[in-house]
Amino acid sequence: MNFTSDRARQLKLGFCLAVATTLLGGCAGLVSKATDRMATNLGNAVLNQDDPATVRDGLPAYLLLLDGLLEGSPDSPALLASSSRMYSSYAGSFVHDNIRAKRLSKKALDRAWKALCIKPGEVCALKDLGFEEFADAAARLDDGQIEGAYLLGSAWATYIQARRDDWVAIADIPKVDSLLQRVAARRPDIDHGMAWVYLGVLNSLRPAAVGGEPEKGRAAFERAVDLSDGRNLMAKTLFAEFYARLVFDQELHDQLLNEVISADPDSPGLTLSNVLAQDRAKELLAGSADYF
């Protein structure tokens, strides 16, 4: 046996393994960045899709893809945020089974919290606070924390909407309201004014007689419409569904829905939402006479 040549091969193998490990470590960083970009690009493609049926049928595969990517990178804030947004959107727009909506919206909220708590800061610190402390801390969030606050607030609003008959969930409305109020104050046009839409829905879930603030909801919806120059059709549809129906204002209800139906839905970042808004507007308008 040639010990010299065997030793040489071992040294060569060890060197190759060391190089490979170094290269793979660098590749892992590149793969992580590519994965984050892919998640962002796929999310944008979904938002610009004009056929809701394609999204409805295809989105579960995308959700599973994000789940798979998170198996390999469970502490990626970007992947967690993308997953939270997509699960929240899917639960809120395409799931009509309330049990499933509750389950999926919980996953969205859990991932939003996890994304924010990878690097603990002011937003993550809100988690265990009572309302007064929560509201005070939310009011101190700076501009660098607004994106995270919006991620959390939107997922939390969807979670509550799926549990509008659950008083434990409803009890968190003031917290979510204070969080989204801060977002709206610092970045009023974030996500085409959707922070205001969430505020409108939250404050229109209950009549004033049982603690709701529908007029505050109306003002929020109107602000969302103004900020998007009327391009955010979902703002008008939800304005009709949650506020106008709550206060039994059929004239406003029908006016808003007719404006949505007659509008051009094609708008960057809003196309899918607008088409869904038009579909929902037609359903609501068809049932207007029976409701009122």
C-alpha atoms as a PDB file:
ATOM      1  CA  MET A   1       0.000   0.000   0.000  1.00  0.00           C
ATOM      2  CA  ASN A   2       1.307   3.452  -0.939  1.00  0.00           C
ATOM      3  CA  PHE A   3       0.825   5.455   2.267  1.00  0.00           C
ATOM      4  CA  THR A   4       2.248   8.575   0.650  1.00  0.00           C
ATOM      5  CA  SER A   5      -0.289   8.599  -2.171  1.00  0.00           C
ATOM      6  CA  ASP A   6      -3.136   7.709   0.233  1.00  0.00           C
ATOM      7  CA  ARG A   7      -2.170  10.583   2.505  1.00  0.00           C
ATOM      8  CA  ALA A   8      -1.983  12.900  -0.469  1.00  0.00           C
ATOM      9  CA  ARG A   9      -5.488  11.847  -1.559  1.00  0.00           C
ATOM     10  CA  GLN A  10      -6.805  12.433   1.990  1.00  0.00           C
ATOM     11  CA  LEU A  11      -5.266  15.879   2.121  1.00  0.00           C
ATOM     12  CA  LYS A  12      -6.656  16.670  -1.315  1.00  0.00           C
ATOM     13  CA  LEU A  13     -10.105  15.416  -0.287  1.00  0.00           C
ATOM     14  CA  GLY A  14      -9.975  17.437   2.947  1.00  0.00           C
ATOM     15  CA  PHE A  15      -8.981  20.551   1.005  1.00  0.00           C
ATOM     16  CA  CYS A  16     -11.807  20.031  -1.505  1.00  0.00           C
ATOM     17  CA  LEU A  17     -14.332  19.561   1.276  1.00  0.00           C
ATOM     18  CA  ALA A  18     -13.154  22.736   2.992  1.00  0.00           C
ATOM     19  CA  VAL A  19     -13.459  24.685  -0.265  1.00  0.00           C
ATOM     20  CA  ALA A  20     -16.876  23.179  -0.974  1.00  0.00           C
ATOM     21  CA  THR A  21     -18.096  24.071   2.504  1.00  0.00           C
ATOM     22  CA  THR A  22     -16.928  27.654   2.066  1.00  0.00           C
ATOM     23  CA  LEU A  23     -18.538  27.927  -1.359  1.00  0.00           C
ATOM     24  CA  LEU A  24     -21.782  26.379  -0.175  1.00  0.00           C
ATOM     25  CA  GLY A  25     -21.869  28.814   2.727  1.00  0.00           C
ATOM     26  CA  GLY A  26     -21.619  31.663   0.245  1.00  0.00           C
ATOM     27  CA  CYS A  27     -24.182  30.016  -2.010  1.00  0.00           C
ATOM     28  CA  ALA A  28     -26.561  29.668   0.934  1.00  0.00           C
ATOM     29  CA  GLY A  29     -26.549  33.433   1.304  1.00  0.00           C
ATOM     30  CA  LEU A  30     -27.168  33.868  -2.416  1.00  0.00           C
ATOM     31  CA  VAL A  31     -29.935  31.270  -2.369  1.00  0.00           C
ATOM     32  CA  SER A  32     -31.542  33.006   0.603  1.00  0.00           C
ATOM     33  CA  LYS A  33     -31.548  36.332  -1.232  1.00  0.00           C
ATOM     34  CA  ALA A  34     -32.864  34.705  -4.409  1.00  0.00           C
ATOM     35  CA  THR A  35     -35.596  32.988  -2.413  1.00  0.00           C
ATOM     36  CA  ASP A  36     -36.628  36.254  -0.802  1.00  0.00           C
ATOM     37  CA  ARG A  37     -36.746  37.931  -4.226  1.00  0.00           C
ATOM     38  CA  MET A  38     -38.781  35.076  -5.647  1.00  0.00           C
ATOM     39  CA  ALA A  39     -41.295  35.340  -2.817  1.00  0.00           C
ATOM     40  CA  THR A  40     -41.604  39.088  -3.388  1.00  0.00           C
ATOM     41  CA  ASN A  41     -41.949  38.722  -7.167  1.00  0.00           C
ATOM     42  CA  LEU A  42     -44.544  35.967  -6.878  1.00  0.00           C
ATOM     43  CA  GLY A  43     -46.488  38.101  -4.423  1.00  0.00           C
ATOM     44  CA  ASN A  44     -46.468  41.010  -6.867  1.00  0.00           C
ATOM     45  CA  ALA A  45     -47.558  38.723  -9.709  1.00  0.00           C
ATOM     46  CA  VAL A  46     -50.524  37.587  -7.614  1.00  0.00           C
ATOM     47  CA  LEU A  47     -51.537  41.185  -6.874  1.00  0.00           C
ATOM     48  CA  ASN A  48     -51.439  42.071 -10.588  1.00  0.00           C
ATOM     49  CA  GLN A  49     -53.426  39.022 -11.733  1.00  0.00           C
ATOM     50  CA  ASP A  50     -56.823  39.863 -13.283  1.00  0.00           C
ATOM     51  CA  ASP A  51     -58.351  36.375 -13.033  1.00  0.00           C
ATOM     52  CA  PRO A  52     -59.307  35.556  -9.428  1.00  0.00           C
ATOM     53  CA  ALA A  53     -60.060  31.929 -10.323  1.00  0.00           C
ATOM     54  CA  THR A  54     -56.435  31.403 -11.356  1.00  0.00           C
ATOM     55  CA  VAL A  55     -55.256  32.839  -8.047  1.00  0.00           C
ATOM     56  CA  ARG A  56     -57.846  30.886  -6.052  1.00  0.00           C
ATOM     57  CA  ASP A  57     -56.786  27.612  -7.662  1.00  0.00           C
ATOM     58  CA  GLY A  58     -53.056  28.329  -7.695  1.00  0.00           C
ATOM     59  CA  LEU A  59     -52.472  30.131  -4.409  1.00  0.00           C
ATOM     60  CA  PRO A  60     -52.581  26.991  -2.216  1.00  0.00           C
ATOM     61  CA  ALA A  61     -49.558  25.649  -4.142  1.00  0.00           C
ATOM     62  CA  TYR A  62     -47.739  28.930  -3.507  1.00  0.00           C
ATOM     63  CA  LEU A  63     -48.624  28.752   0.189  1.00  0.00           C
ATOM     64  CA  LEU A  64     -47.198  25.238   0.346  1.00  0.00           C
ATOM     65  CA  LEU A  65     -44.089  26.448  -1.483  1.00  0.00           C
ATOM     66  CA  LEU A  66     -43.591  29.143   1.154  1.00  0.00           C
ATOM     67  CA  ASP A  67     -44.123  26.518   3.862  1.00  0.00           C
ATOM     68  CA  GLY A  68     -41.424  24.394   2.231  1.00  0.00           C
ATOM     69  CA  LEU A  69     -39.007  27.305   1.989  1.00  0.00           C
ATOM     70  CA  LEU A  70     -39.624  28.079   5.656  1.00  0.00           C
ATOM     71  CA  GLU A  71     -38.755  24.489   6.540  1.00  0.00           C
ATOM     72  CA  GLY A  72     -35.258  25.270   5.289  1.00  0.00           C
ATOM     73  CA  SER A  73     -35.122  28.863   6.581  1.00  0.00           C
ATOM     74  CA  PRO A  74     -37.500  29.015   9.568  1.00  0.00           C
ATOM     75  CA  ASP A  75     -36.036  32.286  10.834  1.00  0.00           C
ATOM     76  CA  SER A  76     -36.161  34.283   7.599  1.00  0.00           C
ATOM     77  CA  PRO A  77     -38.101  37.488   8.344  1.00  0.00           C
ATOM     78  CA  ALA A  78     -38.723  38.072   4.632  1.00  0.00           C
ATOM     79  CA  LEU A  79     -40.194  34.590   4.079  1.00  0.00           C
ATOM     80  CA  LEU A  80     -42.253  34.797   7.269  1.00  0.00           C
ATOM     81  CA  ALA A  81     -43.621  38.181   6.202  1.00  0.00           C
ATOM     82  CA  SER A  82     -44.457  36.921   2.693  1.00  0.00           C
ATOM     83  CA  SER A  83     -46.158  33.856   4.133  1.00  0.00           C
ATOM     84  CA  SER A  84     -48.144  35.952   6.605  1.00  0.00           C
ATOM     85  CA  ARG A  85     -49.358  38.290   3.865  1.00  0.00           C
ATOM     86  CA  MET A  86     -50.356  35.473   1.526  1.00  0.00           C
ATOM     87  CA  TYR A  87     -52.135  33.392   4.175  1.00  0.00           C
ATOM     88  CA  SER A  88     -53.965  36.497   5.356  1.00  0.00           C
ATOM     89  CA  SER A  89     -55.010  37.439   1.812  1.00  0.00           C
ATOM     90  CA  TYR A  90     -56.089  33.898   0.993  1.00  0.00           C
ATOM     91  CA  ALA A  91     -58.103  33.522   4.213  1.00  0.00           C
ATOM     92  CA  GLY A  92     -59.749  36.913   3.784  1.00  0.00           C
ATOM     93  CA  SER A  93     -60.530  36.737   0.068  1.00  0.00           C
ATOM     94  CA  PHE A  94     -60.983  33.116  -0.975  1.00  0.00           C
ATOM     95  CA  VAL A  95     -61.936  31.011   2.048  1.00  0.00           C
ATOM     96  CA  HIS A  96     -65.651  30.906   2.830  1.00  0.00           C
ATOM     97  CA  ASP A  97     -65.487  28.039   5.309  1.00  0.00           C
ATOM     98  CA  ASN A  98     -65.280  29.858   8.651  1.00  0.00           C
ATOM     99  CA  ILE A  99     -63.347  27.061  10.348  1.00  0.00           C
ATOM    100  CA  ARG A 100     -60.667  27.167   7.646  1.00  0.00           C
ATOM    101  CA  ALA A 101     -60.620  30.970   7.680  1.00  0.00           C
ATOM    102  CA  LYS A 102     -59.967  30.916  11.419  1.00  0.00           C
ATOM    103  CA  ARG A 103     -57.175  28.359  11.061  1.00  0.00           C
ATOM    104  CA  LEU A 104     -55.430  30.111   8.163  1.00  0.00           C
ATOM    105  CA  SER A 105     -55.769  33.604   9.632  1.00  0.00           C
ATOM    106  CA  LYS A 106     -54.195  32.314  12.849  1.00  0.00           C
ATOM    107  CA  LYS A 107     -51.239  31.020  10.863  1.00  0.00           C
ATOM    108  CA  ALA A 108     -50.917  34.442   9.216  1.00  0.00           C
ATOM    109  CA  LEU A 109     -50.956  36.216  12.573  1.00  0.00           C
ATOM    110  CA  ASP A 110     -48.500  33.773  14.171  1.00  0.00           C
ATOM    111  CA  ARG A 111     -46.037  34.254  11.316  1.00  0.00           C
ATOM    112  CA  ALA A 112     -46.359  38.022  11.470  1.00  0.00           C
ATOM    113  CA  TRP A 113     -45.443  37.947  15.159  1.00  0.00           C
ATOM    114  CA  LYS A 114     -42.545  35.551  14.499  1.00  0.00           C
ATOM    115  CA  ALA A 115     -41.211  37.725  11.666  1.00  0.00           C
ATOM    116  CA  LEU A 116     -41.176  40.716  14.006  1.00  0.00           C
ATOM    117  CA  CYS A 117     -39.622  38.822  16.909  1.00  0.00           C
ATOM    118  CA  ILE A 118     -36.606  37.389  15.056  1.00  0.00           C
ATOM    119  CA  LYS A 119     -34.872  40.621  16.059  1.00  0.00           C
ATOM    120  CA  PRO A 120     -36.787  41.773  19.137  1.00  0.00           C
ATOM    121  CA  GLY A 121     -37.681  45.444  19.150  1.00  0.00           C
ATOM    122  CA  GLU A 122     -40.523  47.801  19.911  1.00  0.00           C
ATOM    123  CA  VAL A 123     -43.072  45.997  17.715  1.00  0.00           C
ATOM    124  CA  CYS A 124     -42.290  42.548  19.136  1.00  0.00           C
ATOM    125  CA  ALA A 125     -42.327  44.007  22.656  1.00  0.00           C
ATOM    126  CA  LEU A 126     -46.009  44.899  22.216  1.00  0.00           C
ATOM    127  CA  LYS A 127     -47.034  41.251  22.375  1.00  0.00           C
ATOM    128  CA  ASP A 128     -47.559  40.851  26.121  1.00  0.00           C
ATOM    129  CA  LEU A 129     -48.731  44.369  26.982  1.00  0.00           C
ATOM    130  CA  GLY A 130     -52.121  45.432  28.309  1.00  0.00           C
ATOM    131  CA  PHE A 131     -54.085  47.964  26.271  1.00  0.00           C
ATOM    132  CA  GLU A 132     -52.802  51.185  27.833  1.00  0.00           C
ATOM    133  CA  GLU A 133     -49.170  50.108  27.658  1.00  0.00           C
ATOM    134  CA  PHE A 134     -49.762  48.725  24.158  1.00  0.00           C
ATOM    135  CA  ALA A 135     -51.268  51.993  22.919  1.00  0.00           C
ATOM    136  CA  ASP A 136     -48.442  54.030  24.450  1.00  0.00           C
ATOM    137  CA  ALA A 137     -45.793  51.794  22.878  1.00  0.00           C
ATOM    138  CA  ALA A 138     -47.572  51.801  19.498  1.00  0.00           C
ATOM    139  CA  ALA A 139     -47.626  55.593  19.539  1.00  0.00           C
ATOM    140  CA  ARG A 140     -43.824  55.592  19.851  1.00  0.00           C
ATOM    141  CA  LEU A 141     -43.108  53.369  16.837  1.00  0.00           C
ATOM    142  CA  ASP A 142     -40.756  55.145  14.448  1.00  0.00           C
ATOM    143  CA  ASP A 143     -40.691  55.161  10.666  1.00  0.00           C
ATOM    144  CA  GLY A 144     -38.367  52.160  10.516  1.00  0.00           C
ATOM    145  CA  GLN A 145     -40.943  50.036  12.347  1.00  0.00           C
ATOM    146  CA  ILE A 146     -44.022  51.006  10.354  1.00  0.00           C
ATOM    147  CA  GLU A 147     -43.734  48.238   7.748  1.00  0.00           C
ATOM    148  CA  GLY A 148     -43.613  45.629  10.521  1.00  0.00           C
ATOM    149  CA  ALA A 149     -46.485  47.281  12.370  1.00  0.00           C
ATOM    150  CA  TYR A 150     -48.579  47.199   9.207  1.00  0.00           C
ATOM    151  CA  LEU A 151     -47.754  43.533   8.595  1.00  0.00           C
ATOM    152  CA  LEU A 152     -48.937  42.734  12.114  1.00  0.00           C
ATOM    153  CA  GLY A 153     -51.962  45.020  12.063  1.00  0.00           C
ATOM    154  CA  SER A 154     -53.307  43.708   8.755  1.00  0.00           C
ATOM    155  CA  ALA A 155     -52.869  40.048   9.789  1.00  0.00           C
ATOM    156  CA  TRP A 156     -54.471  40.763  13.159  1.00  0.00           C
ATOM    157  CA  ALA A 157     -57.427  42.542  11.531  1.00  0.00           C
ATOM    158  CA  THR A 158     -58.032  39.513   9.273  1.00  0.00           C
ATOM    159  CA  TYR A 159     -57.779  37.241  12.315  1.00  0.00           C
ATOM    160  CA  ILE A 160     -60.459  39.272  14.125  1.00  0.00           C
ATOM    161  CA  GLN A 161     -62.688  39.503  11.060  1.00  0.00           C
ATOM    162  CA  ALA A 162     -62.755  35.687  10.911  1.00  0.00           C
ATOM    163  CA  ARG A 163     -63.798  35.679  14.583  1.00  0.00           C
ATOM    164  CA  ARG A 164     -66.368  38.457  14.722  1.00  0.00           C
ATOM    165  CA  ASP A 165     -68.514  36.240  16.988  1.00  0.00           C
ATOM    166  CA  ASP A 166     -65.618  35.659  19.413  1.00  0.00           C
ATOM    167  CA  TRP A 167     -65.582  38.282  22.165  1.00  0.00           C
ATOM    168  CA  VAL A 168     -62.033  37.387  23.170  1.00  0.00           C
ATOM    169  CA  ALA A 169     -60.828  38.284  19.672  1.00  0.00           C
ATOM    170  CA  ILE A 170     -63.119  41.317  19.502  1.00  0.00           C
ATOM    171  CA  ALA A 171     -61.593  42.584  22.753  1.00  0.00           C
ATOM    172  CA  ASP A 172     -58.303  43.113  20.874  1.00  0.00           C
ATOM    173  CA  ILE A 173     -59.845  45.620  18.443  1.00  0.00           C
ATOM    174  CA  PRO A 174     -58.590  48.636  20.465  1.00  0.00           C
ATOM    175  CA  LYS A 175     -55.028  47.275  20.282  1.00  0.00           C
ATOM    176  CA  VAL A 176     -55.181  46.714  16.534  1.00  0.00           C
ATOM    177  CA  ASP A 177     -56.851  50.092  16.093  1.00  0.00           C
ATOM    178  CA  SER A 178     -54.042  51.859  17.983  1.00  0.00           C
ATOM    179  CA  LEU A 179     -51.429  49.995  15.929  1.00  0.00           C
ATOM    180  CA  LEU A 180     -53.019  50.810  12.578  1.00  0.00           C
ATOM    181  CA  GLN A 181     -53.696  54.386  13.642  1.00  0.00           C
ATOM    182  CA  ARG A 182     -49.955  54.799  14.141  1.00  0.00           C
ATOM    183  CA  VAL A 183     -49.267  53.226  10.750  1.00  0.00           C
ATOM    184  CA  ALA A 184     -51.832  55.457   9.068  1.00  0.00           C
ATOM    185  CA  ALA A 185     -50.465  58.549  10.778  1.00  0.00           C
ATOM    186  CA  ARG A 186     -46.862  57.889   9.691  1.00  0.00           C
ATOM    187  CA  ARG A 187     -47.545  56.293   6.301  1.00  0.00           C
ATOM    188  CA  PRO A 188     -51.145  57.174   5.308  1.00  0.00           C
ATOM    189  CA  ASP A 189     -50.723  55.873   1.757  1.00  0.00           C
ATOM    190  CA  ILE A 190     -49.125  52.528   2.701  1.00  0.00           C
ATOM    191  CA  ASP A 191     -50.469  49.687   0.539  1.00  0.00           C
ATOM    192  CA  HIS A 192     -52.748  52.062  -1.396  1.00  0.00           C
ATOM    193  CA  GLY A 193     -54.442  53.248   1.786  1.00  0.00           C
ATOM    194  CA  MET A 194     -55.281  49.763   3.052  1.00  0.00           C
ATOM    195  CA  ALA A 195     -54.398  50.648   6.660  1.00  0.00           C
ATOM    196  CA  TRP A 196     -57.442  52.916   6.580  1.00  0.00           C
ATOM    197  CA  VAL A 197     -59.574  50.151   5.052  1.00  0.00           C
ATOM    198  CA  TYR A 198     -58.685  47.823   7.926  1.00  0.00           C
ATOM    199  CA  LEU A 199     -59.560  50.603  10.374  1.00  0.00           C
ATOM    200  CA  GLY A 200     -62.873  51.074   8.597  1.00  0.00           C
ATOM    201  CA  VAL A 201     -63.746  47.389   8.852  1.00  0.00           C
ATOM    202  CA  LEU A 202     -62.671  47.052  12.485  1.00  0.00           C
ATOM    203  CA  ASN A 203     -64.779  50.003  13.586  1.00  0.00           C
ATOM    204  CA  SER A 204     -67.786  48.825  11.585  1.00  0.00           C
ATOM    205  CA  LEU A 205     -67.979  45.275  12.938  1.00  0.00           C
ATOM    206  CA  ARG A 206     -70.377  46.277  15.739  1.00  0.00           C
ATOM    207  CA  PRO A 207     -73.150  48.885  16.024  1.00  0.00           C
ATOM    208  CA  ALA A 208     -72.593  51.839  18.320  1.00  0.00           C
ATOM    209  CA  ALA A 209     -75.073  50.381  20.812  1.00  0.00           C
ATOM    210  CA  VAL A 210     -72.658  47.562  21.673  1.00  0.00           C
ATOM    211  CA  GLY A 211     -69.376  49.466  21.582  1.00  0.00           C
ATOM    212  CA  GLY A 212     -68.706  49.866  17.871  1.00  0.00           C
ATOM    213  CA  GLU A 213     -67.644  53.163  16.321  1.00  0.00           C
ATOM    214  CA  PRO A 214     -69.224  53.104  12.854  1.00  0.00           C
ATOM    215  CA  GLU A 215     -68.752  56.829  12.196  1.00  0.00           C
ATOM    216  CA  LYS A 216     -65.055  56.418  12.887  1.00  0.00           C
ATOM    217  CA  GLY A 217     -65.218  53.529  10.419  1.00  0.00           C
ATOM    218  CA  ARG A 218     -66.882  55.714   7.798  1.00  0.00           C
ATOM    219  CA  ALA A 219     -64.199  58.375   8.133  1.00  0.00           C
ATOM    220  CA  ALA A 220     -61.494  55.715   7.695  1.00  0.00           C
ATOM    221  CA  PHE A 221     -63.133  54.300   4.557  1.00  0.00           C
ATOM    222  CA  GLU A 222     -63.477  57.780   3.065  1.00  0.00           C
ATOM    223  CA  ARG A 223     -59.808  58.472   3.778  1.00  0.00           C
ATOM    224  CA  ALA A 224     -58.805  55.234   2.016  1.00  0.00           C
ATOM    225  CA  VAL A 225     -60.847  56.165  -1.053  1.00  0.00           C
ATOM    226  CA  ASP A 226     -59.313  59.643  -1.181  1.00  0.00           C
ATOM    227  CA  LEU A 227     -55.727  58.434  -0.738  1.00  0.00           C
ATOM    228  CA  SER A 228     -55.994  56.031  -3.681  1.00  0.00           C
ATOM    229  CA  ASP A 229     -57.845  58.582  -5.859  1.00  0.00           C
ATOM    230  CA  GLY A 230     -60.673  56.060  -6.011  1.00  0.00           C
ATOM    231  CA  ARG A 231     -58.450  53.340  -7.538  1.00  0.00           C
ATOM    232  CA  ASN A 232     -58.714  51.061  -4.488  1.00  0.00           C
ATOM    233  CA  LEU A 233     -62.106  49.564  -5.292  1.00  0.00           C
ATOM    234  CA  MET A 234     -62.003  47.223  -2.302  1.00  0.00           C
ATOM    235  CA  ALA A 235     -62.205  50.284  -0.058  1.00  0.00           C
ATOM    236  CA  LYS A 236     -65.582  51.186  -1.556  1.00  0.00           C
ATOM    237  CA  THR A 237     -66.920  47.624  -1.557  1.00  0.00           C
ATOM    238  CA  LEU A 238     -66.059  47.110   2.107  1.00  0.00           C
ATOM    239  CA  PHE A 239     -67.374  50.601   2.886  1.00  0.00           C
ATOM    240  CA  ALA A 240     -70.728  49.433   1.535  1.00  0.00           C
ATOM    241  CA  GLU A 241     -70.621  45.971   3.092  1.00  0.00           C
ATOM    242  CA  PHE A 242     -69.511  46.903   6.581  1.00  0.00           C
ATOM    243  CA  TYR A 243     -70.547  50.507   7.179  1.00  0.00           C
ATOM    244  CA  ALA A 244     -73.566  51.129   4.930  1.00  0.00           C
ATOM    245  CA  ARG A 245     -75.181  47.825   5.842  1.00  0.00           C
ATOM    246  CA  LEU A 246     -74.458  48.302   9.539  1.00  0.00           C
ATOM    247  CA  VAL A 247     -76.259  51.678   9.615  1.00  0.00           C
ATOM    248  CA  PHE A 248     -78.906  50.639   7.034  1.00  0.00           C
ATOM    249  CA  ASP A 249     -77.993  53.320   4.490  1.00  0.00           C
ATOM    250  CA  GLN A 250     -79.183  51.772   1.224  1.00  0.00           C
ATOM    251  CA  GLU A 251     -78.587  54.879  -0.857  1.00  0.00           C
ATOM    252  CA  LEU A 252     -74.916  55.033   0.094  1.00  0.00           C
ATOM    253  CA  HIS A 253     -74.633  51.239  -0.212  1.00  0.00           C
ATOM    254  CA  ASP A 254     -75.943  51.120  -3.777  1.00  0.00           C
ATOM    255  CA  GLN A 255     -74.052  54.233  -4.882  1.00  0.00           C
ATOM    256  CA  LEU A 256     -70.709  52.840  -3.737  1.00  0.00           C
ATOM    257  CA  LEU A 257     -71.304  49.442  -5.321  1.00  0.00           C
ATOM    258  CA  ASN A 258     -72.389  50.905  -8.661  1.00  0.00           C
ATOM    259  CA  GLU A 259     -69.226  53.040  -8.711  1.00  0.00           C
ATOM    260  CA  VAL A 260     -67.127  49.928  -8.106  1.00  0.00           C
ATOM    261  CA  ILE A 261     -68.853  47.893 -10.818  1.00  0.00           C
ATOM    262  CA  SER A 262     -68.457  50.629 -13.451  1.00  0.00           C
ATOM    263  CA  ALA A 263     -64.766  51.327 -12.694  1.00  0.00           C
ATOM    264  CA  ASP A 264     -61.712  50.065 -14.609  1.00  0.00           C
ATOM    265  CA  PRO A 265     -60.101  47.458 -12.301  1.00  0.00           C
ATOM    266  CA  ASP A 266     -56.666  47.502 -13.941  1.00  0.00           C
ATOM    267  CA  SER A 267     -54.209  49.266 -11.617  1.00  0.00           C
ATOM    268  CA  PRO A 268     -50.653  48.199 -10.620  1.00  0.00           C
ATOM    269  CA  GLY A 269     -50.690  46.401  -7.276  1.00  0.00           C
ATOM    270  CA  LEU A 270     -54.486  46.566  -7.090  1.00  0.00           C
ATOM    271  CA  THR A 271     -55.773  44.609 -10.079  1.00  0.00           C
ATOM    272  CA  LEU A 272     -56.623  41.360  -8.286  1.00  0.00           C
ATOM    273  CA  SER A 273     -58.109  43.211  -5.312  1.00  0.00           C
ATOM    274  CA  ASN A 274     -60.178  45.377  -7.653  1.00  0.00           C
ATOM    275  CA  VAL A 275     -61.571  42.435  -9.625  1.00  0.00           C
ATOM    276  CA  LEU A 276     -62.479  40.697  -6.364  1.00  0.00           C
ATOM    277  CA  ALA A 277     -64.082  43.943  -5.179  1.00  0.00           C
ATOM    278  CA  GLN A 278     -66.196  44.090  -8.332  1.00  0.00           C
ATOM    279  CA  ASP A 279     -67.302  40.469  -7.968  1.00  0.00           C
ATOM    280  CA  ARG A 280     -68.289  41.084  -4.352  1.00  0.00           C
ATOM    281  CA  ALA A 281     -70.001  44.365  -5.271  1.00  0.00           C
ATOM    282  CA  LYS A 282     -72.234  42.548  -7.765  1.00  0.00           C
ATOM    283  CA  GLU A 283     -73.240  40.014  -5.099  1.00  0.00           C
ATOM    284  CA  LEU A 284     -74.003  42.726  -2.563  1.00  0.00           C
ATOM    285  CA  LEU A 285     -75.958  44.834  -5.022  1.00  0.00           C
ATOM    286  CA  ALA A 286     -78.015  41.830  -6.116  1.00  0.00           C
ATOM    287  CA  GLY A 287     -79.049  41.298  -2.493  1.00  0.00           C
ATOM    288  CA  SER A 288     -79.589  44.963  -1.668  1.00  0.00           C
ATOM    289  CA  ALA A 289     -83.406  44.946  -1.825  1.00  0.00           C
ATOM    290  CA  ASP A 290     -83.631  41.871   0.385  1.00  0.00           C
ATOM    291  CA  TYR A 291     -81.171  43.236   2.950  1.00  0.00           C
ATOM    292  CA  PHE A 292     -82.696  46.679   3.297  1.00  0.00           C
END
